[in-house]
Amino acid sequence: MDGPDLSDRTVLVTGSASGVGRELLLATADCGARTAVHYRTSAEAARDVAAAALERGAPEAVTVQGDVTDPDDVDDLFAVVESELGPVDVLVNNVGDFAPSHWSDLEFETWNRVIETNLNGTYLCSKRALPGMRETGYGRIVNLGYASSERGLVSPKNFPYFVAKTGVMMFTRMLAADTCDDGITVNAISPYVVENSDEFPEELPRGRPASFDDLVQPLYFFLDPDTGYVSGENIEVDGGWLPERV
């Protein structure tokens, strides 16, 4: 599929050694972006993604390691990207643990890990990227949400994840308002079930999960230079799924 021209842009996708993050990063490589493959523990997989990015059109590709919930790690990994590729023009906040947990069985360790990876990681990486974006007068931040989280979806068995993703939606809108005069847009993509999910519900909208290509389309839309007036928005990639409670 055709995407925007990113030949003069540096892209960082968190958690891009595998899964959705990998596919989104490679989609930007297809558009000629300089790519930074982030990982926490999967060094070999990250190197493989960087090699694939070069094969698919990225002029440069580096791997960067760090825990996105640790401010020092975030600062260090951005410093590596800036040194090797230049300021981050496009940040995709993809990292976020999913841990199905009912309230009655929820341990603080699980709660904290899910909140930190999904919400705190998005905050820390965005905060670190913004000075460079403001200096150049250009930036695109895309956060990964979850379908129906804006509509107050209730899920007792996914307690911390739904709380975290609802927070990501509010964060997206608030940061969009704060950066509206800086040449920066902040938006979100919110899938339901994606093709690499560990489990699938018995019934899926349109009879299938979202494909990686289904997620690439809204990413390309948000990264297109002609959509610079679109900020604080969320595109749900859910096939029309609209539950009241799950």
C-alpha atoms as a PDB file:
ATOM      1  CA  MET A   1       0.000   0.000   0.000  1.00  0.00           C
ATOM      2  CA  ASP A   2       1.174   3.525  -0.727  1.00  0.00           C
ATOM      3  CA  GLY A   3       2.155   5.653   2.244  1.00  0.00           C
ATOM      4  CA  PRO A   4       3.430   9.173   2.863  1.00  0.00           C
ATOM      5  CA  ASP A   5       6.937  10.256   1.935  1.00  0.00           C
ATOM      6  CA  LEU A   6       9.028   9.883   5.105  1.00  0.00           C
ATOM      7  CA  SER A   7      12.421  10.060   3.420  1.00  0.00           C
ATOM      8  CA  ASP A   8      13.564  12.972   5.569  1.00  0.00           C
ATOM      9  CA  ARG A   9      12.052  11.711   8.835  1.00  0.00           C
ATOM     10  CA  THR A  10      13.333   9.743  11.828  1.00  0.00           C
ATOM     11  CA  VAL A  11      10.857   7.255  13.273  1.00  0.00           C
ATOM     12  CA  LEU A  12      10.963   5.569  16.677  1.00  0.00           C
ATOM     13  CA  VAL A  13       8.444   2.831  17.431  1.00  0.00           C
ATOM     14  CA  THR A  14       8.562   1.495  20.975  1.00  0.00           C
ATOM     15  CA  GLY A  15       8.378  -2.262  21.332  1.00  0.00           C
ATOM     16  CA  SER A  16       9.151  -2.770  17.651  1.00  0.00           C
ATOM     17  CA  ALA A  17      11.112  -6.015  17.874  1.00  0.00           C
ATOM     18  CA  SER A  18       7.934  -8.024  17.311  1.00  0.00           C
ATOM     19  CA  GLY A  19       4.181  -7.955  16.802  1.00  0.00           C
ATOM     20  CA  VAL A  20       2.268  -4.775  16.024  1.00  0.00           C
ATOM     21  CA  GLY A  21       5.274  -2.560  16.732  1.00  0.00           C
ATOM     22  CA  ARG A  22       7.396  -4.458  14.218  1.00  0.00           C
ATOM     23  CA  GLU A  23       4.815  -4.119  11.475  1.00  0.00           C
ATOM     24  CA  LEU A  24       4.238  -0.416  12.088  1.00  0.00           C
ATOM     25  CA  LEU A  25       7.952   0.293  12.025  1.00  0.00           C
ATOM     26  CA  LEU A  26       8.461  -1.675   8.790  1.00  0.00           C
ATOM     27  CA  ALA A  27       5.557   0.234   7.263  1.00  0.00           C
ATOM     28  CA  THR A  28       7.481   3.469   7.855  1.00  0.00           C
ATOM     29  CA  ALA A  29      10.607   1.879   6.357  1.00  0.00           C
ATOM     30  CA  ASP A  30       8.538   1.258   3.226  1.00  0.00           C
ATOM     31  CA  CYS A  31       8.112   5.056   3.084  1.00  0.00           C
ATOM     32  CA  GLY A  32      11.841   5.731   3.317  1.00  0.00           C
ATOM     33  CA  ALA A  33      12.080   6.744   6.980  1.00  0.00           C
ATOM     34  CA  ARG A  34      15.181   6.445   9.116  1.00  0.00           C
ATOM     35  CA  THR A  35      14.070   3.850  11.661  1.00  0.00           C
ATOM     36  CA  ALA A  36      14.871   3.141  15.305  1.00  0.00           C
ATOM     37  CA  VAL A  37      13.885  -0.330  16.503  1.00  0.00           C
ATOM     38  CA  HIS A  38      13.263  -0.263  20.243  1.00  0.00           C
ATOM     39  CA  TYR A  39      13.414  -3.344  22.468  1.00  0.00           C
ATOM     40  CA  ARG A  40      13.789  -4.150  26.137  1.00  0.00           C
ATOM     41  CA  THR A  41      15.122  -7.729  26.114  1.00  0.00           C
ATOM     42  CA  SER A  42      14.780  -9.038  22.535  1.00  0.00           C
ATOM     43  CA  ALA A  43      18.085  -7.858  21.087  1.00  0.00           C
ATOM     44  CA  GLU A  44      18.375 -10.484  18.347  1.00  0.00           C
ATOM     45  CA  ALA A  45      14.805  -9.943  17.159  1.00  0.00           C
ATOM     46  CA  ALA A  46      15.412  -6.187  17.089  1.00  0.00           C
ATOM     47  CA  ARG A  47      18.499  -6.653  14.915  1.00  0.00           C
ATOM     48  CA  ASP A  48      16.443  -8.778  12.525  1.00  0.00           C
ATOM     49  CA  VAL A  49      13.820  -6.017  12.273  1.00  0.00           C
ATOM     50  CA  ALA A  50      16.506  -3.405  11.623  1.00  0.00           C
ATOM     51  CA  ALA A  51      17.895  -5.549   8.804  1.00  0.00           C
ATOM     52  CA  ALA A  52      14.398  -5.967   7.357  1.00  0.00           C
ATOM     53  CA  ALA A  53      13.852  -2.203   7.557  1.00  0.00           C
ATOM     54  CA  LEU A  54      16.968  -1.593   5.475  1.00  0.00           C
ATOM     55  CA  GLU A  55      15.804  -4.134   2.902  1.00  0.00           C
ATOM     56  CA  ARG A  56      12.444  -2.391   2.662  1.00  0.00           C
ATOM     57  CA  GLY A  57      13.786   1.072   1.994  1.00  0.00           C
ATOM     58  CA  ALA A  58      14.992   2.652   5.222  1.00  0.00           C
ATOM     59  CA  PRO A  59      18.245   4.531   4.500  1.00  0.00           C
ATOM     60  CA  GLU A  60      19.378   3.901   8.083  1.00  0.00           C
ATOM     61  CA  ALA A  61      18.185   1.641  10.899  1.00  0.00           C
ATOM     62  CA  VAL A  62      19.434   1.314  14.463  1.00  0.00           C
ATOM     63  CA  THR A  63      18.385  -0.723  17.480  1.00  0.00           C
ATOM     64  CA  VAL A  64      17.918   0.919  20.872  1.00  0.00           C
ATOM     65  CA  GLN A  65      17.440  -0.814  24.211  1.00  0.00           C
ATOM     66  CA  GLY A  66      15.630   0.464  27.257  1.00  0.00           C
ATOM     67  CA  ASP A  67      12.754   0.198  29.685  1.00  0.00           C
ATOM     68  CA  VAL A  68      10.172   2.823  28.704  1.00  0.00           C
ATOM     69  CA  THR A  69       8.966   3.030  32.310  1.00  0.00           C
ATOM     70  CA  ASP A  70      12.392   4.193  33.506  1.00  0.00           C
ATOM     71  CA  PRO A  71      13.115   7.921  32.922  1.00  0.00           C
ATOM     72  CA  ASP A  72      16.879   7.370  32.698  1.00  0.00           C
ATOM     73  CA  ASP A  73      16.483   4.548  30.177  1.00  0.00           C
ATOM     74  CA  VAL A  74      14.133   6.682  28.079  1.00  0.00           C
ATOM     75  CA  ASP A  75      16.590   9.561  28.073  1.00  0.00           C
ATOM     76  CA  ASP A  76      19.436   7.238  27.087  1.00  0.00           C
ATOM     77  CA  LEU A  77      17.596   5.533  24.254  1.00  0.00           C
ATOM     78  CA  PHE A  78      16.479   8.857  22.779  1.00  0.00           C
ATOM     79  CA  ALA A  79      20.059  10.123  23.037  1.00  0.00           C
ATOM     80  CA  VAL A  80      21.219   7.144  20.958  1.00  0.00           C
ATOM     81  CA  VAL A  81      18.559   7.762  18.302  1.00  0.00           C
ATOM     82  CA  GLU A  82      19.378  11.468  18.147  1.00  0.00           C
ATOM     83  CA  SER A  83      23.086  10.740  17.844  1.00  0.00           C
ATOM     84  CA  GLU A  84      22.670   8.115  15.119  1.00  0.00           C
ATOM     85  CA  LEU A  85      19.660   9.368  13.158  1.00  0.00           C
ATOM     86  CA  GLY A  86      18.834  12.880  14.303  1.00  0.00           C
ATOM     87  CA  PRO A  87      15.850  14.212  16.289  1.00  0.00           C
ATOM     88  CA  VAL A  88      12.804  11.953  16.456  1.00  0.00           C
ATOM     89  CA  ASP A  89      10.168  13.266  14.041  1.00  0.00           C
ATOM     90  CA  VAL A  90       7.683  10.417  14.493  1.00  0.00           C
ATOM     91  CA  LEU A  91       7.067   8.595  17.771  1.00  0.00           C
ATOM     92  CA  VAL A  92       4.759   5.602  17.948  1.00  0.00           C
ATOM     93  CA  ASN A  93       4.014   4.607  21.561  1.00  0.00           C
ATOM     94  CA  ASN A  94       3.295   0.923  21.108  1.00  0.00           C
ATOM     95  CA  VAL A  95       4.587  -0.662  24.334  1.00  0.00           C
ATOM     96  CA  GLY A  96       1.897  -1.813  26.749  1.00  0.00           C
ATOM     97  CA  ASP A  97       1.533  -5.014  28.753  1.00  0.00           C
ATOM     98  CA  PHE A  98      -1.784  -6.847  28.679  1.00  0.00           C
ATOM     99  CA  ALA A  99      -2.547  -8.874  31.803  1.00  0.00           C
ATOM    100  CA  PRO A 100      -6.149 -10.135  32.157  1.00  0.00           C
ATOM    101  CA  SER A 101      -6.970  -9.620  35.822  1.00  0.00           C
ATOM    102  CA  HIS A 102     -10.280  -9.540  37.677  1.00  0.00           C
ATOM    103  CA  TRP A 103     -10.494  -6.966  40.438  1.00  0.00           C
ATOM    104  CA  SER A 104     -10.894  -9.617  43.126  1.00  0.00           C
ATOM    105  CA  ASP A 105      -7.636 -11.316  42.061  1.00  0.00           C
ATOM    106  CA  LEU A 106      -5.664  -8.231  41.083  1.00  0.00           C
ATOM    107  CA  GLU A 107      -2.240  -7.891  42.679  1.00  0.00           C
ATOM    108  CA  PHE A 108      -0.533  -4.518  42.917  1.00  0.00           C
ATOM    109  CA  GLU A 109       2.455  -5.803  40.925  1.00  0.00           C
ATOM    110  CA  THR A 110       0.186  -6.603  37.982  1.00  0.00           C
ATOM    111  CA  TRP A 111      -1.709  -3.326  38.308  1.00  0.00           C
ATOM    112  CA  ASN A 112       1.516  -1.336  38.442  1.00  0.00           C
ATOM    113  CA  ARG A 113       3.153  -3.098  35.487  1.00  0.00           C
ATOM    114  CA  VAL A 114       0.156  -2.576  33.206  1.00  0.00           C
ATOM    115  CA  ILE A 115      -0.294   1.076  34.191  1.00  0.00           C
ATOM    116  CA  GLU A 116       3.418   1.804  33.900  1.00  0.00           C
ATOM    117  CA  THR A 117       3.981   0.214  30.486  1.00  0.00           C
ATOM    118  CA  ASN A 118       0.809   1.521  28.850  1.00  0.00           C
ATOM    119  CA  LEU A 119       0.437   4.950  30.425  1.00  0.00           C
ATOM    120  CA  ASN A 120       3.708   5.959  32.060  1.00  0.00           C
ATOM    121  CA  GLY A 121       5.731   4.732  29.093  1.00  0.00           C
ATOM    122  CA  THR A 122       3.597   6.806  26.736  1.00  0.00           C
ATOM    123  CA  TYR A 123       4.075   9.842  28.977  1.00  0.00           C
ATOM    124  CA  LEU A 124       7.849   9.461  29.363  1.00  0.00           C
ATOM    125  CA  CYS A 125       8.593   8.856  25.678  1.00  0.00           C
ATOM    126  CA  SER A 126       6.326  11.684  24.550  1.00  0.00           C
ATOM    127  CA  LYS A 127       7.855  14.083  27.065  1.00  0.00           C
ATOM    128  CA  ARG A 128      11.350  13.198  25.873  1.00  0.00           C
ATOM    129  CA  ALA A 129      10.444  13.550  22.178  1.00  0.00           C
ATOM    130  CA  LEU A 130       8.700  16.919  22.446  1.00  0.00           C
ATOM    131  CA  PRO A 131      11.694  19.289  22.838  1.00  0.00           C
ATOM    132  CA  GLY A 132      13.207  18.093  19.560  1.00  0.00           C
ATOM    133  CA  MET A 133       9.863  18.264  17.777  1.00  0.00           C
ATOM    134  CA  ARG A 134       9.213  21.770  19.053  1.00  0.00           C
ATOM    135  CA  GLU A 135      12.674  22.890  17.962  1.00  0.00           C
ATOM    136  CA  THR A 136      12.134  21.673  14.395  1.00  0.00           C
ATOM    137  CA  GLY A 137       8.482  22.738  14.286  1.00  0.00           C
ATOM    138  CA  TYR A 138       7.333  19.288  13.227  1.00  0.00           C
ATOM    139  CA  GLY A 139       6.263  16.118  15.009  1.00  0.00           C
ATOM    140  CA  ARG A 140       3.886  13.204  14.873  1.00  0.00           C
ATOM    141  CA  ILE A 141       2.999  11.181  17.977  1.00  0.00           C
ATOM    142  CA  VAL A 142       0.750   8.151  17.584  1.00  0.00           C
ATOM    143  CA  ASN A 143      -0.391   6.241  20.671  1.00  0.00           C
ATOM    144  CA  LEU A 144      -1.822   2.737  20.743  1.00  0.00           C
ATOM    145  CA  GLY A 145      -5.151   2.543  22.535  1.00  0.00           C
ATOM    146  CA  TYR A 146      -7.877  -0.077  22.735  1.00  0.00           C
ATOM    147  CA  ALA A 147     -11.236  -0.196  20.976  1.00  0.00           C
ATOM    148  CA  SER A 148     -14.152   1.357  22.894  1.00  0.00           C
ATOM    149  CA  SER A 149     -11.968   2.678  25.718  1.00  0.00           C
ATOM    150  CA  GLU A 150     -13.217   6.190  24.937  1.00  0.00           C
ATOM    151  CA  ARG A 151     -16.784   5.041  25.509  1.00  0.00           C
ATOM    152  CA  GLY A 152     -16.246   3.899  29.073  1.00  0.00           C
ATOM    153  CA  LEU A 153     -15.985   0.201  28.254  1.00  0.00           C
ATOM    154  CA  VAL A 154     -16.314  -1.911  31.403  1.00  0.00           C
ATOM    155  CA  SER A 155     -14.254  -5.085  31.700  1.00  0.00           C
ATOM    156  CA  PRO A 156     -13.991  -6.549  35.207  1.00  0.00           C
ATOM    157  CA  LYS A 157     -11.660  -9.263  33.925  1.00  0.00           C
ATOM    158  CA  ASN A 158      -9.271  -6.770  32.257  1.00  0.00           C
ATOM    159  CA  PHE A 159      -9.263  -4.184  35.012  1.00  0.00           C
ATOM    160  CA  PRO A 160      -5.820  -2.524  34.857  1.00  0.00           C
ATOM    161  CA  TYR A 161      -5.542  -2.647  31.050  1.00  0.00           C
ATOM    162  CA  PHE A 162      -8.824  -0.844  30.444  1.00  0.00           C
ATOM    163  CA  VAL A 163      -8.014   1.779  33.072  1.00  0.00           C
ATOM    164  CA  ALA A 164      -4.609   2.333  31.445  1.00  0.00           C
ATOM    165  CA  LYS A 165      -5.941   2.591  27.892  1.00  0.00           C
ATOM    166  CA  THR A 166      -8.660   5.016  28.974  1.00  0.00           C
ATOM    167  CA  GLY A 167      -5.844   7.105  30.419  1.00  0.00           C
ATOM    168  CA  VAL A 168      -3.973   6.921  27.112  1.00  0.00           C
ATOM    169  CA  MET A 169      -7.016   8.388  25.353  1.00  0.00           C
ATOM    170  CA  MET A 170      -7.200  11.318  27.763  1.00  0.00           C
ATOM    171  CA  PHE A 171      -3.446  11.823  27.525  1.00  0.00           C
ATOM    172  CA  THR A 172      -3.694  11.920  23.719  1.00  0.00           C
ATOM    173  CA  ARG A 173      -6.314  14.660  23.737  1.00  0.00           C
ATOM    174  CA  MET A 174      -4.591  16.735  26.412  1.00  0.00           C
ATOM    175  CA  LEU A 175      -1.203  16.583  24.708  1.00  0.00           C
ATOM    176  CA  ALA A 176      -2.798  17.448  21.371  1.00  0.00           C
ATOM    177  CA  ALA A 177      -4.253  20.593  22.940  1.00  0.00           C
ATOM    178  CA  ASP A 178      -0.905  21.500  24.469  1.00  0.00           C
ATOM    179  CA  THR A 179       0.980  21.166  21.170  1.00  0.00           C
ATOM    180  CA  CYS A 180      -1.572  22.665  18.777  1.00  0.00           C
ATOM    181  CA  ASP A 181       0.654  25.666  17.971  1.00  0.00           C
ATOM    182  CA  ASP A 182       3.904  23.710  17.622  1.00  0.00           C
ATOM    183  CA  GLY A 183       3.514  21.866  14.316  1.00  0.00           C
ATOM    184  CA  ILE A 184       2.939  18.627  16.233  1.00  0.00           C
ATOM    185  CA  THR A 185      -0.004  16.265  16.060  1.00  0.00           C
ATOM    186  CA  VAL A 186      -0.934  13.664  18.672  1.00  0.00           C
ATOM    187  CA  ASN A 187      -3.395  10.924  17.747  1.00  0.00           C
ATOM    188  CA  ALA A 188      -4.290   7.346  18.628  1.00  0.00           C
ATOM    189  CA  ILE A 189      -5.025   4.047  16.913  1.00  0.00           C
ATOM    190  CA  SER A 190      -7.242   1.673  18.890  1.00  0.00           C
ATOM    191  CA  PRO A 191      -7.580  -1.923  17.695  1.00  0.00           C
ATOM    192  CA  TYR A 192      -9.802  -4.640  19.114  1.00  0.00           C
ATOM    193  CA  VAL A 193      -8.335  -8.084  18.365  1.00  0.00           C
ATOM    194  CA  VAL A 194      -5.272  -8.183  16.109  1.00  0.00           C
ATOM    195  CA  GLU A 195      -4.045 -11.142  14.077  1.00  0.00           C
ATOM    196  CA  ASN A 196      -1.135 -11.874  16.443  1.00  0.00           C
ATOM    197  CA  SER A 197      -3.332 -12.021  19.576  1.00  0.00           C
ATOM    198  CA  ASP A 198      -2.845 -15.014  21.866  1.00  0.00           C
ATOM    199  CA  GLU A 199      -6.576 -15.688  22.126  1.00  0.00           C
ATOM    200  CA  PHE A 200      -9.582 -14.945  19.945  1.00  0.00           C
ATOM    201  CA  PRO A 201     -13.191 -14.524  21.097  1.00  0.00           C
ATOM    202  CA  GLU A 202     -15.753 -16.914  19.666  1.00  0.00           C
ATOM    203  CA  GLU A 203     -17.295 -14.154  17.562  1.00  0.00           C
ATOM    204  CA  LEU A 204     -15.271 -11.548  15.712  1.00  0.00           C
ATOM    205  CA  PRO A 205     -16.575  -8.566  13.738  1.00  0.00           C
ATOM    206  CA  ARG A 206     -16.530  -9.412  10.024  1.00  0.00           C
ATOM    207  CA  GLY A 207     -15.386 -12.900  10.899  1.00  0.00           C
ATOM    208  CA  ARG A 208     -11.715 -12.079  11.430  1.00  0.00           C
ATOM    209  CA  PRO A 209      -9.283 -10.142  13.627  1.00  0.00           C
ATOM    210  CA  ALA A 210      -7.691  -6.922  12.463  1.00  0.00           C
ATOM    211  CA  SER A 211      -4.725  -7.513  10.188  1.00  0.00           C
ATOM    212  CA  PHE A 212      -1.472  -5.604  10.512  1.00  0.00           C
ATOM    213  CA  ASP A 213      -2.373  -3.825   7.269  1.00  0.00           C
ATOM    214  CA  ASP A 214      -5.602  -2.639   8.908  1.00  0.00           C
ATOM    215  CA  LEU A 215      -3.444  -0.790  11.455  1.00  0.00           C
ATOM    216  CA  VAL A 216      -0.990   0.565   8.907  1.00  0.00           C
ATOM    217  CA  GLN A 217      -3.727   2.446   7.050  1.00  0.00           C
ATOM    218  CA  PRO A 218      -4.593   4.826   9.935  1.00  0.00           C
ATOM    219  CA  LEU A 219      -0.895   5.177  10.749  1.00  0.00           C
ATOM    220  CA  TYR A 220      -0.240   6.396   7.224  1.00  0.00           C
ATOM    221  CA  PHE A 221      -3.185   8.784   7.536  1.00  0.00           C
ATOM    222  CA  PHE A 222      -1.811  10.357  10.710  1.00  0.00           C
ATOM    223  CA  LEU A 223       1.709  10.632   9.244  1.00  0.00           C
ATOM    224  CA  ASP A 224       0.610  12.203   5.983  1.00  0.00           C
ATOM    225  CA  PRO A 225       1.792  15.840   5.688  1.00  0.00           C
ATOM    226  CA  ASP A 226      -1.687  16.801   4.496  1.00  0.00           C
ATOM    227  CA  THR A 227      -3.288  15.733   7.811  1.00  0.00           C
ATOM    228  CA  GLY A 228      -1.400  18.227   9.954  1.00  0.00           C
ATOM    229  CA  TYR A 229      -4.694  19.768  11.131  1.00  0.00           C
ATOM    230  CA  VAL A 230      -5.892  16.433  12.538  1.00  0.00           C
ATOM    231  CA  SER A 231      -4.850  16.117  16.176  1.00  0.00           C
ATOM    232  CA  GLY A 232      -6.343  14.698  19.353  1.00  0.00           C
ATOM    233  CA  GLU A 233      -8.213  12.071  17.346  1.00  0.00           C
ATOM    234  CA  ASN A 234      -8.607   8.330  17.721  1.00  0.00           C
ATOM    235  CA  ILE A 235      -9.254   5.817  14.951  1.00  0.00           C
ATOM    236  CA  GLU A 236     -10.772   2.566  16.159  1.00  0.00           C
ATOM    237  CA  VAL A 237      -9.785  -0.478  14.117  1.00  0.00           C
ATOM    238  CA  ASP A 238     -12.379  -2.912  15.384  1.00  0.00           C
ATOM    239  CA  GLY A 239     -14.583  -3.941  12.455  1.00  0.00           C
ATOM    240  CA  GLY A 240     -17.586  -2.230  14.048  1.00  0.00           C
ATOM    241  CA  TRP A 241     -17.332  -3.899  17.452  1.00  0.00           C
ATOM    242  CA  LEU A 242     -19.447  -2.017  19.996  1.00  0.00           C
ATOM    243  CA  PRO A 243     -19.834  -3.869  23.309  1.00  0.00           C
ATOM    244  CA  GLU A 244     -21.442  -2.565  26.461  1.00  0.00           C
ATOM    245  CA  ARG A 245     -19.524  -4.885  28.737  1.00  0.00           C
ATOM    246  CA  VAL A 246     -16.924  -7.613  28.245  1.00  0.00           C
END
